N, C-alpha and C. Protein backbone atom coordinates (compact mmCIF):
# COMPACT_ATOMS: atom_id res chain seq x y z
N MET A 1 104.43 88.67 109.52
CA MET A 1 104.69 89.60 110.60
C MET A 1 106.17 89.49 110.94
N LEU A 2 106.80 90.61 111.02
CA LEU A 2 108.23 90.64 111.31
C LEU A 2 108.50 91.39 112.60
N GLY A 3 109.60 91.08 113.23
CA GLY A 3 110.04 91.83 114.39
C GLY A 3 110.34 90.92 115.57
N THR A 4 111.19 91.42 116.45
CA THR A 4 111.57 90.70 117.65
C THR A 4 110.61 91.02 118.77
N ILE A 5 110.25 90.02 119.55
CA ILE A 5 109.39 90.22 120.71
C ILE A 5 110.27 90.12 121.94
N HIS A 6 110.38 91.21 122.70
CA HIS A 6 111.27 91.25 123.86
C HIS A 6 110.57 90.77 125.13
N ASP A 7 109.26 91.01 125.26
CA ASP A 7 108.51 90.60 126.45
C ASP A 7 107.39 89.68 126.00
N LEU A 8 107.53 88.39 126.24
CA LEU A 8 106.56 87.41 125.74
C LEU A 8 105.23 87.45 126.50
N ARG A 9 105.15 88.18 127.59
CA ARG A 9 103.91 88.26 128.37
C ARG A 9 103.09 89.51 128.04
N ALA A 10 103.66 90.45 127.33
CA ALA A 10 102.96 91.70 126.98
C ALA A 10 102.25 91.55 125.64
N THR A 11 101.21 92.36 125.43
CA THR A 11 100.53 92.39 124.13
C THR A 11 101.46 93.04 123.12
N VAL A 12 101.60 92.40 121.96
CA VAL A 12 102.51 92.88 120.92
C VAL A 12 101.72 93.16 119.66
N GLU A 13 102.00 94.28 119.01
CA GLU A 13 101.38 94.62 117.73
C GLU A 13 102.45 94.57 116.65
N ARG A 14 102.13 93.90 115.53
CA ARG A 14 103.07 93.79 114.42
C ARG A 14 102.38 94.14 113.11
N THR A 15 103.12 94.74 112.21
CA THR A 15 102.62 95.12 110.89
C THR A 15 102.59 93.90 109.97
N ILE A 16 101.56 93.83 109.13
CA ILE A 16 101.44 92.77 108.12
C ILE A 16 101.50 93.44 106.75
N VAL A 17 102.40 92.97 105.91
CA VAL A 17 102.49 93.47 104.53
C VAL A 17 102.72 92.28 103.61
N GLY A 18 102.09 92.32 102.45
CA GLY A 18 102.30 91.27 101.46
C GLY A 18 101.47 90.03 101.73
N GLY A 19 101.85 88.95 101.13
CA GLY A 19 101.13 87.69 101.25
C GLY A 19 101.14 86.96 99.91
N THR A 20 100.46 85.82 99.87
CA THR A 20 100.37 85.05 98.64
C THR A 20 98.92 84.67 98.38
N GLY A 21 98.63 84.28 97.15
CA GLY A 21 97.28 83.84 96.80
C GLY A 21 96.26 84.94 97.02
N ALA A 22 95.18 84.62 97.73
CA ALA A 22 94.12 85.60 98.00
C ALA A 22 94.60 86.74 98.88
N PHE A 23 95.70 86.54 99.59
CA PHE A 23 96.22 87.57 100.49
C PHE A 23 97.37 88.37 99.88
N ARG A 24 97.52 88.30 98.56
CA ARG A 24 98.59 89.04 97.91
C ARG A 24 98.35 90.54 98.07
N MET A 25 99.38 91.25 98.46
CA MET A 25 99.38 92.71 98.61
C MET A 25 98.48 93.19 99.76
N VAL A 26 98.16 92.33 100.72
CA VAL A 26 97.36 92.79 101.85
C VAL A 26 98.21 93.66 102.76
N ARG A 27 97.54 94.43 103.58
CA ARG A 27 98.22 95.21 104.61
C ARG A 27 97.33 95.21 105.84
N GLY A 28 97.93 95.38 106.97
CA GLY A 28 97.17 95.38 108.21
C GLY A 28 98.10 95.21 109.40
N TYR A 29 97.55 94.65 110.47
CA TYR A 29 98.37 94.45 111.66
C TYR A 29 97.87 93.22 112.40
N GLY A 30 98.72 92.72 113.26
CA GLY A 30 98.38 91.57 114.09
C GLY A 30 98.65 91.87 115.54
N LEU A 31 97.80 91.37 116.43
CA LEU A 31 97.99 91.50 117.87
C LEU A 31 98.25 90.12 118.45
N ILE A 32 99.29 90.01 119.25
CA ILE A 32 99.65 88.75 119.89
C ILE A 32 99.49 88.94 121.39
N ASP A 33 98.60 88.14 122.00
CA ASP A 33 98.33 88.23 123.44
C ASP A 33 98.69 86.92 124.11
N TYR A 34 99.34 87.01 125.26
CA TYR A 34 99.61 85.84 126.09
C TYR A 34 98.32 85.48 126.85
N VAL A 35 97.99 84.19 126.91
CA VAL A 35 96.77 83.73 127.59
C VAL A 35 97.19 82.90 128.81
N PRO A 36 97.35 83.55 129.98
CA PRO A 36 97.87 82.83 131.15
C PRO A 36 96.95 81.73 131.66
N GLU A 37 95.62 81.92 131.57
CA GLU A 37 94.70 80.91 132.11
C GLU A 37 94.71 79.61 131.30
N ALA A 38 95.18 79.64 130.07
CA ALA A 38 95.25 78.43 129.24
C ALA A 38 96.66 77.83 129.21
N SER A 39 97.63 78.53 129.78
CA SER A 39 99.02 78.07 129.75
C SER A 39 99.29 77.10 130.90
N THR A 40 100.28 76.24 130.70
CA THR A 40 100.72 75.29 131.72
C THR A 40 102.21 75.54 131.97
N PRO A 41 102.79 74.92 133.01
CA PRO A 41 104.22 75.14 133.26
C PRO A 41 105.12 74.79 132.06
N GLY A 42 104.72 73.84 131.23
CA GLY A 42 105.54 73.45 130.10
C GLY A 42 105.14 74.06 128.77
N HIS A 43 104.00 74.76 128.72
CA HIS A 43 103.49 75.29 127.46
C HIS A 43 102.88 76.67 127.65
N ASP A 44 103.23 77.59 126.78
CA ASP A 44 102.61 78.91 126.76
C ASP A 44 101.58 78.96 125.64
N VAL A 45 100.46 79.63 125.89
CA VAL A 45 99.39 79.76 124.90
C VAL A 45 99.25 81.23 124.54
N TYR A 46 99.17 81.51 123.24
CA TYR A 46 99.02 82.88 122.75
C TYR A 46 97.80 82.96 121.84
N ARG A 47 97.14 84.12 121.84
CA ARG A 47 96.03 84.40 120.92
C ARG A 47 96.56 85.39 119.90
N VAL A 48 96.35 85.10 118.63
CA VAL A 48 96.80 85.98 117.55
C VAL A 48 95.57 86.47 116.80
N ASP A 49 95.35 87.78 116.79
CA ASP A 49 94.26 88.41 116.04
C ASP A 49 94.87 89.16 114.87
N LEU A 50 94.39 88.88 113.66
CA LEU A 50 94.89 89.53 112.46
C LEU A 50 93.81 90.42 111.87
N PHE A 51 94.18 91.65 111.55
CA PHE A 51 93.28 92.62 110.93
C PHE A 51 93.92 93.04 109.61
N VAL A 52 93.28 92.67 108.49
CA VAL A 52 93.87 92.93 107.18
C VAL A 52 92.87 93.60 106.25
N VAL A 53 93.40 94.37 105.30
CA VAL A 53 92.63 94.97 104.22
C VAL A 53 93.04 94.24 102.95
N VAL A 54 92.11 93.54 102.31
CA VAL A 54 92.41 92.75 101.12
C VAL A 54 92.13 93.57 99.89
């Protein structure tokens, strides 16, 4: 997944292209969500969901 994330608290969608091994030539997208209830003052927690076509 490539690209700059400007707002770390907003849901971000990124394109997935390529890969290695079993994931060679896959395409799809990934969603990155901030999880405030699991975060602490010193650590941020994110959930990453990947949707790919193999």
